[in-house]
Amino acid sequence: MYYRNLMAEMARNHITKKEIMELLEISNNTYYSKMTGRTEFKLSEVEKILALLYRKSNKIYSVEYLFDVSISNGIKKSKYIGEIAHQKSPDTSQELSESTSPTESVMNLKEKFNE
């Protein structure tokens, strides 16, 4: 499998491929295409996976950790996931984009579940 950290966290939290397929509303072939890196996950799919992992483990996982890709020579490379979410610029309060980062989305979900 391509996303080793994602697969490890799925196993630790007893999440089956069937759960992921139902959550993302995808077929078995699409599941394998995404998990092997042939097709990319959409940002909305990543957010759903992060929310599921949070519900199961009560832990917040970073996109970088779950979707890092190990290349055969041992160099790690992050694979971009569909859309890129921008955060606020560190030197100004000016927002670079109106999209919300996956980490911010998970934090919002955490607040919603704790209410």
PDB file of N, CA and C in Angstrom:
ATOM      1  N   MET A   1       0.829  -1.185   0.000  1.00  0.00           N
ATOM      2  CA  MET A   1       0.000   0.000   0.000  1.00  0.00           C
ATOM      3  C   MET A   1       0.874   1.249   0.000  1.00  0.00           C
ATOM      4  N   TYR A   2       0.359   2.290  -0.526  1.00  0.00           N
ATOM      5  CA  TYR A   2       1.102   3.516  -0.737  1.00  0.00           C
ATOM      6  C   TYR A   2       1.142   4.398   0.507  1.00  0.00           C
ATOM      7  N   TYR A   3       0.015   4.612   1.148  1.00  0.00           N
ATOM      8  CA  TYR A   3      -0.067   5.486   2.317  1.00  0.00           C
ATOM      9  C   TYR A   3       0.079   4.646   3.583  1.00  0.00           C
ATOM     10  N   ARG A   4       1.299   4.367   3.947  1.00  0.00           N
ATOM     11  CA  ARG A   4       1.569   3.465   5.074  1.00  0.00           C
ATOM     12  C   ARG A   4       1.041   3.995   6.397  1.00  0.00           C
ATOM     13  N   ASN A   5       1.200   5.284   6.654  1.00  0.00           N
ATOM     14  CA  ASN A   5       0.727   5.840   7.922  1.00  0.00           C
ATOM     15  C   ASN A   5      -0.792   5.804   8.005  1.00  0.00           C
ATOM     16  N   LEU A   6      -1.457   6.113   6.911  1.00  0.00           N
ATOM     17  CA  LEU A   6      -2.911   6.044   6.888  1.00  0.00           C
ATOM     18  C   LEU A   6      -3.373   4.614   7.159  1.00  0.00           C
ATOM     19  N   MET A   7      -2.755   3.658   6.491  1.00  0.00           N
ATOM     20  CA  MET A   7      -3.129   2.256   6.682  1.00  0.00           C
ATOM     21  C   MET A   7      -2.867   1.806   8.125  1.00  0.00           C
ATOM     22  N   ALA A   8      -1.765   2.251   8.701  1.00  0.00           N
ATOM     23  CA  ALA A   8      -1.444   1.887  10.085  1.00  0.00           C
ATOM     24  C   ALA A   8      -2.482   2.455  11.046  1.00  0.00           C
ATOM     25  N   GLU A   9      -2.872   3.708  10.839  1.00  0.00           N
ATOM     26  CA  GLU A   9      -3.872   4.320  11.727  1.00  0.00           C
ATOM     27  C   GLU A   9      -5.246   3.697  11.531  1.00  0.00           C
ATOM     28  N   MET A  10      -5.561   3.303  10.321  1.00  0.00           N
ATOM     29  CA  MET A  10      -6.819   2.590  10.086  1.00  0.00           C
ATOM     30  C   MET A  10      -6.822   1.279  10.872  1.00  0.00           C
ATOM     31  N   ALA A  11      -5.717   0.550  10.822  1.00  0.00           N
ATOM     32  CA  ALA A  11      -5.626  -0.717  11.548  1.00  0.00           C
ATOM     33  C   ALA A  11      -5.700  -0.498  13.059  1.00  0.00           C
ATOM     34  N   ARG A  12      -4.972   0.495  13.575  1.00  0.00           N
ATOM     35  CA  ARG A  12      -4.985   0.782  15.014  1.00  0.00           C
ATOM     36  C   ARG A  12      -6.380   1.140  15.521  1.00  0.00           C
ATOM     37  N   ASN A  13      -7.155   1.790  14.667  1.00  0.00           N
ATOM     38  CA  ASN A  13      -8.473   2.256  15.062  1.00  0.00           C
ATOM     39  C   ASN A  13      -9.607   1.371  14.544  1.00  0.00           C
ATOM     40  N   HIS A  14      -9.248   0.203  14.042  1.00  0.00           N
ATOM     41  CA  HIS A  14     -10.212  -0.793  13.566  1.00  0.00           C
ATOM     42  C   HIS A  14     -11.147  -0.231  12.497  1.00  0.00           C
ATOM     43  N   ILE A  15     -10.569   0.503  11.575  1.00  0.00           N
ATOM     44  CA  ILE A  15     -11.323   1.061  10.453  1.00  0.00           C
ATOM     45  C   ILE A  15     -11.063   0.176   9.242  1.00  0.00           C
ATOM     46  N   THR A  16     -12.121  -0.324   8.656  1.00  0.00           N
ATOM     47  CA  THR A  16     -11.988  -1.220   7.514  1.00  0.00           C
ATOM     48  C   THR A  16     -12.022  -0.444   6.201  1.00  0.00           C
ATOM     49  N   LYS A  17     -11.558  -1.096   5.152  1.00  0.00           N
ATOM     50  CA  LYS A  17     -11.627  -0.458   3.833  1.00  0.00           C
ATOM     51  C   LYS A  17     -13.079  -0.234   3.448  1.00  0.00           C
ATOM     52  N   LYS A  18     -13.973  -1.124   3.894  1.00  0.00           N
ATOM     53  CA  LYS A  18     -15.397  -0.970   3.602  1.00  0.00           C
ATOM     54  C   LYS A  18     -15.930   0.326   4.218  1.00  0.00           C
ATOM     55  N   GLU A  19     -15.508   0.645   5.449  1.00  0.00           N
ATOM     56  CA  GLU A  19     -15.930   1.887   6.086  1.00  0.00           C
ATOM     57  C   GLU A  19     -15.466   3.099   5.272  1.00  0.00           C
ATOM     58  N   ILE A  20     -14.220   3.054   4.819  1.00  0.00           N
ATOM     59  CA  ILE A  20     -13.679   4.160   4.022  1.00  0.00           C
ATOM     60  C   ILE A  20     -14.425   4.272   2.698  1.00  0.00           C
ATOM     61  N   MET A  21     -14.681   3.129   2.059  1.00  0.00           N
ATOM     62  CA  MET A  21     -15.393   3.145   0.780  1.00  0.00           C
ATOM     63  C   MET A  21     -16.798   3.731   0.942  1.00  0.00           C
ATOM     64  N   GLU A  22     -17.489   3.355   2.028  1.00  0.00           N
ATOM     65  CA  GLU A  22     -18.828   3.891   2.272  1.00  0.00           C
ATOM     66  C   GLU A  22     -18.765   5.377   2.625  1.00  0.00           C
ATOM     67  N   LEU A  23     -17.790   5.755   3.443  1.00  0.00           N
ATOM     68  CA  LEU A  23     -17.631   7.140   3.849  1.00  0.00           C
ATOM     69  C   LEU A  23     -17.405   8.051   2.645  1.00  0.00           C
ATOM     70  N   LEU A  24     -16.534   7.610   1.744  1.00  0.00           N
ATOM     71  CA  LEU A  24     -16.181   8.414   0.571  1.00  0.00           C
ATOM     72  C   LEU A  24     -17.104   8.166  -0.619  1.00  0.00           C
ATOM     73  N   GLU A  25     -17.989   7.167  -0.478  1.00  0.00           N
ATOM     74  CA  GLU A  25     -18.903   6.781  -1.551  1.00  0.00           C
ATOM     75  C   GLU A  25     -18.139   6.450  -2.833  1.00  0.00           C
ATOM     76  N   ILE A  26     -17.179   5.528  -2.682  1.00  0.00           N
ATOM     77  CA  ILE A  26     -16.347   5.114  -3.815  1.00  0.00           C
ATOM     78  C   ILE A  26     -16.389   3.597  -3.958  1.00  0.00           C
ATOM     79  N   SER A  27     -16.013   3.124  -5.129  1.00  0.00           N
ATOM     80  CA  SER A  27     -15.988   1.684  -5.408  1.00  0.00           C
ATOM     81  C   SER A  27     -14.691   1.065  -4.900  1.00  0.00           C
ATOM     82  N   ASN A  28     -14.641  -0.241  -4.930  1.00  0.00           N
ATOM     83  CA  ASN A  28     -13.445  -0.979  -4.541  1.00  0.00           C
ATOM     84  C   ASN A  28     -12.254  -0.594  -5.422  1.00  0.00           C
ATOM     85  N   ASN A  29     -12.488  -0.487  -6.730  1.00  0.00           N
ATOM     86  CA  ASN A  29     -11.406  -0.107  -7.655  1.00  0.00           C
ATOM     87  C   ASN A  29     -10.891   1.294  -7.368  1.00  0.00           C
ATOM     88  N   THR A  30     -11.799   2.218  -7.083  1.00  0.00           N
ATOM     89  CA  THR A  30     -11.394   3.593  -6.772  1.00  0.00           C
ATOM     90  C   THR A  30     -10.612   3.626  -5.467  1.00  0.00           C
ATOM     91  N   TYR A  31     -11.055   2.842  -4.488  1.00  0.00           N
ATOM     92  CA  TYR A  31     -10.345   2.752  -3.207  1.00  0.00           C
ATOM     93  C   TYR A  31      -8.890   2.337  -3.440  1.00  0.00           C
ATOM     94  N   TYR A  32      -8.682   1.272  -4.216  1.00  0.00           N
ATOM     95  CA  TYR A  32      -7.321   0.816  -4.474  1.00  0.00           C
ATOM     96  C   TYR A  32      -6.519   1.816  -5.301  1.00  0.00           C
ATOM     97  N   SER A  33      -7.162   2.496  -6.222  1.00  0.00           N
ATOM     98  CA  SER A  33      -6.459   3.520  -7.000  1.00  0.00           C
ATOM     99  C   SER A  33      -5.966   4.643  -6.095  1.00  0.00           C
ATOM    100  N   LYS A  34      -6.791   5.047  -5.148  1.00  0.00           N
ATOM    101  CA  LYS A  34      -6.405   6.117  -4.228  1.00  0.00           C
ATOM    102  C   LYS A  34      -5.335   5.630  -3.245  1.00  0.00           C
ATOM    103  N   MET A  35      -5.504   4.455  -2.700  1.00  0.00           N
ATOM    104  CA  MET A  35      -4.570   3.954  -1.692  1.00  0.00           C
ATOM    105  C   MET A  35      -3.205   3.594  -2.283  1.00  0.00           C
ATOM    106  N   THR A  36      -3.157   3.340  -3.560  1.00  0.00           N
ATOM    107  CA  THR A  36      -1.878   3.045  -4.201  1.00  0.00           C
ATOM    108  C   THR A  36      -1.270   4.278  -4.859  1.00  0.00           C
ATOM    109  N   GLY A  37      -1.967   5.407  -4.789  1.00  0.00           N
ATOM    110  CA  GLY A  37      -1.429   6.652  -5.320  1.00  0.00           C
ATOM    111  C   GLY A  37      -1.658   6.862  -6.801  1.00  0.00           C
ATOM    112  N   ARG A  38      -2.413   5.994  -7.439  1.00  0.00           N
ATOM    113  CA  ARG A  38      -2.680   6.187  -8.863  1.00  0.00           C
ATOM    114  C   ARG A  38      -3.595   7.376  -9.107  1.00  0.00           C
ATOM    115  N   THR A  39      -4.519   7.603  -8.177  1.00  0.00           N
ATOM    116  CA  THR A  39      -5.355   8.805  -8.219  1.00  0.00           C
ATOM    117  C   THR A  39      -5.247   9.487  -6.866  1.00  0.00           C
ATOM    118  N   GLU A  40      -5.434  10.797  -6.865  1.00  0.00           N
ATOM    119  CA  GLU A  40      -5.280  11.571  -5.634  1.00  0.00           C
ATOM    120  C   GLU A  40      -6.585  11.629  -4.853  1.00  0.00           C
ATOM    121  N   PHE A  41      -6.451  11.780  -3.554  1.00  0.00           N
ATOM    122  CA  PHE A  41      -7.603  12.048  -2.710  1.00  0.00           C
ATOM    123  C   PHE A  41      -8.008  13.504  -2.909  1.00  0.00           C
ATOM    124  N   LYS A  42      -9.302  13.775  -2.912  1.00  0.00           N
ATOM    125  CA  LYS A  42      -9.797  15.148  -2.927  1.00  0.00           C
ATOM    126  C   LYS A  42      -9.690  15.691  -1.506  1.00  0.00           C
ATOM    127  N   LEU A  43      -9.613  16.991  -1.381  1.00  0.00           N
ATOM    128  CA  LEU A  43      -9.533  17.606  -0.068  1.00  0.00           C
ATOM    129  C   LEU A  43     -10.745  17.224   0.785  1.00  0.00           C
ATOM    130  N   SER A  44     -11.913  17.183   0.185  1.00  0.00           N
ATOM    131  CA  SER A  44     -13.122  16.807   0.934  1.00  0.00           C
ATOM    132  C   SER A  44     -13.019  15.373   1.457  1.00  0.00           C
ATOM    133  N   GLU A  45     -12.393  14.489   0.704  1.00  0.00           N
ATOM    134  CA  GLU A  45     -12.211  13.102   1.141  1.00  0.00           C
ATOM    135  C   GLU A  45     -11.223  13.032   2.299  1.00  0.00           C
ATOM    136  N   VAL A  46     -10.159  13.819   2.211  1.00  0.00           N
ATOM    137  CA  VAL A  46      -9.165  13.866   3.282  1.00  0.00           C
ATOM    138  C   VAL A  46      -9.829  14.342   4.570  1.00  0.00           C
ATOM    139  N   GLU A  47     -10.661  15.372   4.467  1.00  0.00           N
ATOM    140  CA  GLU A  47     -11.345  15.891   5.653  1.00  0.00           C
ATOM    141  C   GLU A  47     -12.259  14.841   6.274  1.00  0.00           C
ATOM    142  N   LYS A  48     -12.942  14.056   5.438  1.00  0.00           N
ATOM    143  CA  LYS A  48     -13.817  12.999   5.953  1.00  0.00           C
ATOM    144  C   LYS A  48     -13.007  11.921   6.677  1.00  0.00           C
ATOM    145  N   ILE A  49     -11.856  11.571   6.121  1.00  0.00           N
ATOM    146  CA  ILE A  49     -10.999  10.564   6.745  1.00  0.00           C
ATOM    147  C   ILE A  49     -10.459  11.088   8.073  1.00  0.00           C
ATOM    148  N   LEU A  50     -10.027  12.349   8.097  1.00  0.00           N
ATOM    149  CA  LEU A  50      -9.540  12.947   9.343  1.00  0.00           C
ATOM    150  C   LEU A  50     -10.633  12.960  10.413  1.00  0.00           C
ATOM    151  N   ALA A  51     -11.853  13.286  10.018  1.00  0.00           N
ATOM    152  CA  ALA A  51     -12.971  13.319  10.967  1.00  0.00           C
ATOM    153  C   ALA A  51     -13.278  11.917  11.495  1.00  0.00           C
ATOM    154  N   LEU A  52     -13.245  10.920  10.626  1.00  0.00           N
ATOM    155  CA  LEU A  52     -13.489   9.536  11.049  1.00  0.00           C
ATOM    156  C   LEU A  52     -12.418   9.084  12.039  1.00  0.00           C
ATOM    157  N   LEU A  53     -11.172   9.364  11.732  1.00  0.00           N
ATOM    158  CA  LEU A  53     -10.081   8.998  12.646  1.00  0.00           C
ATOM    159  C   LEU A  53     -10.232   9.708  13.985  1.00  0.00           C
ATOM    160  N   TYR A  54     -10.664  10.953  13.960  1.00  0.00           N
ATOM    161  CA  TYR A  54     -10.862  11.682  15.209  1.00  0.00           C
ATOM    162  C   TYR A  54     -11.979  11.041  16.036  1.00  0.00           C
ATOM    163  N   ARG A  55     -13.092  10.698  15.377  1.00  0.00           N
ATOM    164  CA  ARG A  55     -14.207  10.066  16.092  1.00  0.00           C
ATOM    165  C   ARG A  55     -13.797   8.736  16.710  1.00  0.00           C
ATOM    166  N   LYS A  56     -12.966   7.977  15.992  1.00  0.00           N
ATOM    167  CA  LYS A  56     -12.561   6.649  16.471  1.00  0.00           C
ATOM    168  C   LYS A  56     -11.487   6.716  17.552  1.00  0.00           C
ATOM    169  N   SER A  57     -10.568   7.680  17.457  1.00  0.00           N
ATOM    170  CA  SER A  57      -9.405   7.683  18.349  1.00  0.00           C
ATOM    171  C   SER A  57      -9.351   8.877  19.298  1.00  0.00           C
ATOM    172  N   ASN A  58     -10.140   9.912  19.001  1.00  0.00           N
ATOM    173  CA  ASN A  58     -10.089  11.168  19.751  1.00  0.00           C
ATOM    174  C   ASN A  58      -8.709  11.826  19.648  1.00  0.00           C
ATOM    175  N   LYS A  59      -8.012  11.572  18.541  1.00  0.00           N
ATOM    176  CA  LYS A  59      -6.714  12.182  18.262  1.00  0.00           C
ATOM    177  C   LYS A  59      -6.815  12.978  16.971  1.00  0.00           C
ATOM    178  N   ILE A  60      -6.014  14.019  16.892  1.00  0.00           N
ATOM    179  CA  ILE A  60      -5.957  14.832  15.672  1.00  0.00           C
ATOM    180  C   ILE A  60      -4.720  14.415  14.887  1.00  0.00           C
ATOM    181  N   TYR A  61      -4.924  14.015  13.648  1.00  0.00           N
ATOM    182  CA  TYR A  61      -3.829  13.600  12.777  1.00  0.00           C
ATOM    183  C   TYR A  61      -3.582  14.676  11.733  1.00  0.00           C
ATOM    184  N   SER A  62      -2.316  14.887  11.387  1.00  0.00           N
ATOM    185  CA  SER A  62      -1.999  15.859  10.344  1.00  0.00           C
ATOM    186  C   SER A  62      -2.083  15.188   8.971  1.00  0.00           C
ATOM    187  N   VAL A  63      -2.419  15.989   7.987  1.00  0.00           N
ATOM    188  CA  VAL A  63      -2.474  15.510   6.612  1.00  0.00           C
ATOM    189  C   VAL A  63      -1.092  15.028   6.184  1.00  0.00           C
ATOM    190  N   GLU A  64      -0.065  15.782   6.598  1.00  0.00           N
ATOM    191  CA  GLU A  64       1.304  15.429   6.224  1.00  0.00           C
ATOM    192  C   GLU A  64       1.679  14.035   6.733  1.00  0.00           C
ATOM    193  N   TYR A  65       1.273  13.718   7.955  1.00  0.00           N
ATOM    194  CA  TYR A  65       1.586  12.405   8.530  1.00  0.00           C
ATOM    195  C   TYR A  65       0.837  11.298   7.799  1.00  0.00           C
ATOM    196  N   LEU A  66      -0.457  11.461   7.612  1.00  0.00           N
ATOM    197  CA  LEU A  66      -1.264  10.391   7.019  1.00  0.00           C
ATOM    198  C   LEU A  66      -0.983  10.169   5.543  1.00  0.00           C
ATOM    199  N   PHE A  67      -0.653  11.238   4.827  1.00  0.00           N
ATOM    200  CA  PHE A  67      -0.531  11.128   3.377  1.00  0.00           C
ATOM    201  C   PHE A  67       0.884  11.331   2.862  1.00  0.00           C
ATOM    202  N   ASP A  68       1.891  11.222   3.732  1.00  0.00           N
ATOM    203  CA  ASP A  68       3.276  11.228   3.271  1.00  0.00           C
ATOM    204  C   ASP A  68       3.526   9.962   2.458  1.00  0.00           C
ATOM    205  N   VAL A  69       4.354  10.095   1.478  1.00  0.00           N
ATOM    206  CA  VAL A  69       4.639   8.979   0.582  1.00  0.00           C
ATOM    207  C   VAL A  69       6.117   8.627   0.677  1.00  0.00           C
ATOM    208  N   SER A  70       6.426   7.377   0.935  1.00  0.00           N
ATOM    209  CA  SER A  70       7.816   6.930   0.935  1.00  0.00           C
ATOM    210  C   SER A  70       8.173   6.446  -0.463  1.00  0.00           C
ATOM    211  N   ILE A  71       9.253   6.972  -0.973  1.00  0.00           N
ATOM    212  CA  ILE A  71       9.735   6.565  -2.291  1.00  0.00           C
ATOM    213  C   ILE A  71      10.749   5.450  -2.093  1.00  0.00           C
ATOM    214  N   SER A  72      10.949   4.625  -3.094  1.00  0.00           N
ATOM    215  CA  SER A  72      11.775   3.430  -2.954  1.00  0.00           C
ATOM    216  C   SER A  72      13.186   3.686  -2.431  1.00  0.00           C
ATOM    217  N   ASN A  73      13.770   4.846  -2.691  1.00  0.00           N
ATOM    218  CA  ASN A  73      15.129   5.105  -2.208  1.00  0.00           C
ATOM    219  C   ASN A  73      15.140   5.656  -0.788  1.00  0.00           C
ATOM    220  N   GLY A  74      13.981   5.681  -0.130  1.00  0.00           N
ATOM    221  CA  GLY A  74      13.919   6.100   1.260  1.00  0.00           C
ATOM    222  C   GLY A  74      13.652   7.579   1.474  1.00  0.00           C
ATOM    223  N   ILE A  75      13.611   8.361   0.416  1.00  0.00           N
ATOM    224  CA  ILE A  75      13.324   9.790   0.539  1.00  0.00           C
ATOM    225  C   ILE A  75      11.820   9.952   0.710  1.00  0.00           C
ATOM    226  N   LYS A  76      11.430  10.797   1.640  1.00  0.00           N
ATOM    227  CA  LYS A  76      10.001  11.033   1.834  1.00  0.00           C
ATOM    228  C   LYS A  76       9.553  12.220   1.003  1.00  0.00           C
ATOM    229  N   LYS A  77       8.403  12.075   0.405  1.00  0.00           N
ATOM    230  CA  LYS A  77       7.856  13.134  -0.427  1.00  0.00           C
ATOM    231  C   LYS A  77       6.369  13.241  -0.130  1.00  0.00           C
ATOM    232  N   SER A  78       5.896  14.440   0.162  1.00  0.00           N
ATOM    233  CA  SER A  78       4.464  14.640   0.376  1.00  0.00           C
ATOM    234  C   SER A  78       3.775  14.716  -0.973  1.00  0.00           C
ATOM    235  N   LYS A  79       2.671  14.024  -1.093  1.00  0.00           N
ATOM    236  CA  LYS A  79       1.891  14.076  -2.316  1.00  0.00           C
ATOM    237  C   LYS A  79       0.812  15.128  -2.134  1.00  0.00           C
ATOM    238  N   TYR A  80       0.710  16.034  -3.082  1.00  0.00           N
ATOM    239  CA  TYR A  80      -0.325  17.043  -2.995  1.00  0.00           C
ATOM    240  C   TYR A  80      -1.674  16.387  -3.209  1.00  0.00           C
ATOM    241  N   ILE A  81      -2.648  16.860  -2.490  1.00  0.00           N
ATOM    242  CA  ILE A  81      -3.965  16.238  -2.489  1.00  0.00           C
ATOM    243  C   ILE A  81      -4.957  17.187  -3.134  1.00  0.00           C
ATOM    244  N   GLY A  82      -5.226  16.981  -4.401  1.00  0.00           N
ATOM    245  CA  GLY A  82      -6.234  17.766  -5.115  1.00  0.00           C
ATOM    246  C   GLY A  82      -6.037  19.257  -4.986  1.00  0.00           C
ATOM    247  N   GLU A  83      -6.762  19.850  -4.058  1.00  0.00           N
ATOM    248  CA  GLU A  83      -6.682  21.282  -3.821  1.00  0.00           C
ATOM    249  C   GLU A  83      -5.667  21.544  -2.719  1.00  0.00           C
ATOM    250  N   ILE A  84      -5.022  22.688  -2.758  1.00  0.00           N
ATOM    251  CA  ILE A  84      -4.088  23.061  -1.697  1.00  0.00           C
ATOM    252  C   ILE A  84      -4.744  24.140  -0.856  1.00  0.00           C
ATOM    253  N   ALA A  85      -4.845  23.905   0.433  1.00  0.00           N
ATOM    254  CA  ALA A  85      -5.434  24.893   1.337  1.00  0.00           C
ATOM    255  C   ALA A  85      -4.322  25.769   1.885  1.00  0.00           C
ATOM    256  N   HIS A  86      -4.542  27.082   1.882  1.00  0.00           N
ATOM    257  CA  HIS A  86      -3.541  28.017   2.375  1.00  0.00           C
ATOM    258  C   HIS A  86      -3.901  28.489   3.767  1.00  0.00           C
ATOM    259  N   GLN A  87      -2.886  28.751   4.563  1.00  0.00           N
ATOM    260  CA  GLN A  87      -3.092  29.301   5.886  1.00  0.00           C
ATOM    261  C   GLN A  87      -2.714  30.779   5.858  1.00  0.00           C
ATOM    262  N   LYS A  88      -2.872  31.445   6.992  1.00  0.00           N
ATOM    263  CA  LYS A  88      -2.502  32.856   7.065  1.00  0.00           C
ATOM    264  C   LYS A  88      -0.999  33.021   6.922  1.00  0.00           C
ATOM    265  N   SER A  89      -0.619  34.101   6.307  1.00  0.00           N
ATOM    266  CA  SER A  89       0.792  34.409   6.157  1.00  0.00           C
ATOM    267  C   SER A  89       1.404  34.670   7.529  1.00  0.00           C
ATOM    268  N   PRO A  90       2.598  34.129   7.834  1.00  0.00           N
ATOM    269  CA  PRO A  90       3.178  34.299   9.163  1.00  0.00           C
ATOM    270  C   PRO A  90       3.558  35.738   9.502  1.00  0.00           C
ATOM    271  N   ASP A  91       3.868  36.551   8.507  1.00  0.00           N
ATOM    272  CA  ASP A  91       4.326  37.905   8.797  1.00  0.00           C
ATOM    273  C   ASP A  91       3.213  38.955   8.740  1.00  0.00           C
ATOM    274  N   THR A  92       2.029  38.590   8.287  1.00  0.00           N
ATOM    275  CA  THR A  92       0.902  39.525   8.272  1.00  0.00           C
ATOM    276  C   THR A  92      -0.358  38.788   8.699  1.00  0.00           C
ATOM    277  N   SER A  93      -1.386  39.546   8.984  1.00  0.00           N
ATOM    278  CA  SER A  93      -2.663  38.930   9.325  1.00  0.00           C
ATOM    279  C   SER A  93      -3.529  38.753   8.084  1.00  0.00           C
ATOM    280  N   GLN A  94      -2.941  39.042   6.945  1.00  0.00           N
ATOM    281  CA  GLN A  94      -3.661  38.940   5.688  1.00  0.00           C
ATOM    282  C   GLN A  94      -3.788  37.471   5.292  1.00  0.00           C
ATOM    283  N   GLU A  95      -4.975  37.056   4.946  1.00  0.00           N
ATOM    284  CA  GLU A  95      -5.200  35.673   4.565  1.00  0.00           C
ATOM    285  C   GLU A  95      -4.831  35.482   3.099  1.00  0.00           C
ATOM    286  N   LEU A  96      -4.136  34.393   2.809  1.00  0.00           N
ATOM    287  CA  LEU A  96      -3.717  34.119   1.440  1.00  0.00           C
ATOM    288  C   LEU A  96      -4.848  33.531   0.618  1.00  0.00           C
ATOM    289  N   SER A  97      -5.739  32.816   1.265  1.00  0.00           N
ATOM    290  CA  SER A  97      -6.836  32.172   0.573  1.00  0.00           C
ATOM    291  C   SER A  97      -7.999  32.039   1.534  1.00  0.00           C
ATOM    292  N   GLU A  98      -9.205  31.946   1.004  1.00  0.00           N
ATOM    293  CA  GLU A  98     -10.360  31.792   1.871  1.00  0.00           C
ATOM    294  C   GLU A  98     -10.598  30.339   2.240  1.00  0.00           C
ATOM    295  N   SER A  99      -9.871  29.404   1.651  1.00  0.00           N
ATOM    296  CA  SER A  99     -10.064  27.998   1.990  1.00  0.00           C
ATOM    297  C   SER A  99      -9.500  27.708   3.369  1.00  0.00           C
ATOM    298  N   THR A 100     -10.067  26.718   4.012  1.00  0.00           N
ATOM    299  CA  THR A 100      -9.650  26.340   5.354  1.00  0.00           C
ATOM    300  C   THR A 100      -8.684  25.174   5.257  1.00  0.00           C
ATOM    301  N   SER A 101      -7.638  25.199   6.060  1.00  0.00           N
ATOM    302  CA  SER A 101      -6.684  24.104   6.037  1.00  0.00           C
ATOM    303  C   SER A 101      -7.328  22.871   6.661  1.00  0.00           C
ATOM    304  N   PRO A 102      -6.872  21.662   6.292  1.00  0.00           N
ATOM    305  CA  PRO A 102      -7.423  20.443   6.875  1.00  0.00           C
ATOM    306  C   PRO A 102      -7.285  20.415   8.396  1.00  0.00           C
ATOM    307  N   THR A 103      -6.199  20.949   8.923  1.00  0.00           N
ATOM    308  CA  THR A 103      -6.005  20.963  10.372  1.00  0.00           C
ATOM    309  C   THR A 103      -7.059  21.839  11.029  1.00  0.00           C
ATOM    310  N   GLU A 104      -7.336  23.013  10.427  1.00  0.00           N
ATOM    311  CA  GLU A 104      -8.367  23.885  10.965  1.00  0.00           C
ATOM    312  C   GLU A 104      -9.726  23.200  10.890  1.00  0.00           C
ATOM    313  N   SER A 105      -9.986  22.453   9.814  1.00  0.00           N
ATOM    314  CA  SER A 105     -11.248  21.738   9.675  1.00  0.00           C
ATOM    315  C   SER A 105     -11.417  20.715  10.776  1.00  0.00           C
ATOM    316  N   VAL A 106     -10.352  19.999  11.092  1.00  0.00           N
ATOM    317  CA  VAL A 106     -10.419  18.998  12.151  1.00  0.00           C
ATOM    318  C   VAL A 106     -10.649  19.670  13.488  1.00  0.00           C
ATOM    319  N   MET A 107      -9.998  20.808  13.728  1.00  0.00           N
ATOM    320  CA  MET A 107     -10.210  21.535  14.977  1.00  0.00           C
ATOM    321  C   MET A 107     -11.660  21.961  15.094  1.00  0.00           C
ATOM    322  N   ASN A 108     -12.247  22.418  13.976  1.00  0.00           N
ATOM    323  CA  ASN A 108     -13.664  22.800  13.987  1.00  0.00           C
ATOM    324  C   ASN A 108     -14.538  21.593  14.290  1.00  0.00           C
ATOM    325  N   LEU A 109     -14.201  20.427  13.712  1.00  0.00           N
ATOM    326  CA  LEU A 109     -14.951  19.212  13.989  1.00  0.00           C
ATOM    327  C   LEU A 109     -14.820  18.818  15.454  1.00  0.00           C
ATOM    328  N   LYS A 110     -13.625  18.971  16.015  1.00  0.00           N
ATOM    329  CA  LYS A 110     -13.409  18.624  17.416  1.00  0.00           C
ATOM    330  C   LYS A 110     -14.317  19.463  18.309  1.00  0.00           C
ATOM    331  N   GLU A 111     -14.395  20.763  18.016  1.00  0.00           N
ATOM    332  CA  GLU A 111     -15.258  21.644  18.792  1.00  0.00           C
ATOM    333  C   GLU A 111     -16.712  21.228  18.660  1.00  0.00           C
ATOM    334  N   LYS A 112     -17.123  20.840  17.450  1.00  0.00           N
ATOM    335  CA  LYS A 112     -18.495  20.444  17.195  1.00  0.00           C
ATOM    336  C   LYS A 112     -18.839  19.167  17.975  1.00  0.00           C
ATOM    337  N   PHE A 113     -17.925  18.180  18.003  1.00  0.00           N
ATOM    338  CA  PHE A 113     -18.173  16.927  18.696  1.00  0.00           C
ATOM    339  C   PHE A 113     -18.162  17.094  20.197  1.00  0.00           C
ATOM    340  N   ASN A 114     -17.437  18.066  20.704  1.00  0.00           N
ATOM    341  CA  ASN A 114     -17.351  18.281  22.147  1.00  0.00           C
ATOM    342  C   ASN A 114     -18.509  19.089  22.699  1.00  0.00           C
ATOM    343  N   GLU A 115     -19.344  19.639  21.827  1.00  0.00           N
ATOM    344  CA  GLU A 115     -20.482  20.454  22.283  1.00  0.00           C
ATOM    345  C   GLU A 115     -21.565  19.581  22.854  1.00  0.00           C
TER     346      GLU A 115
END
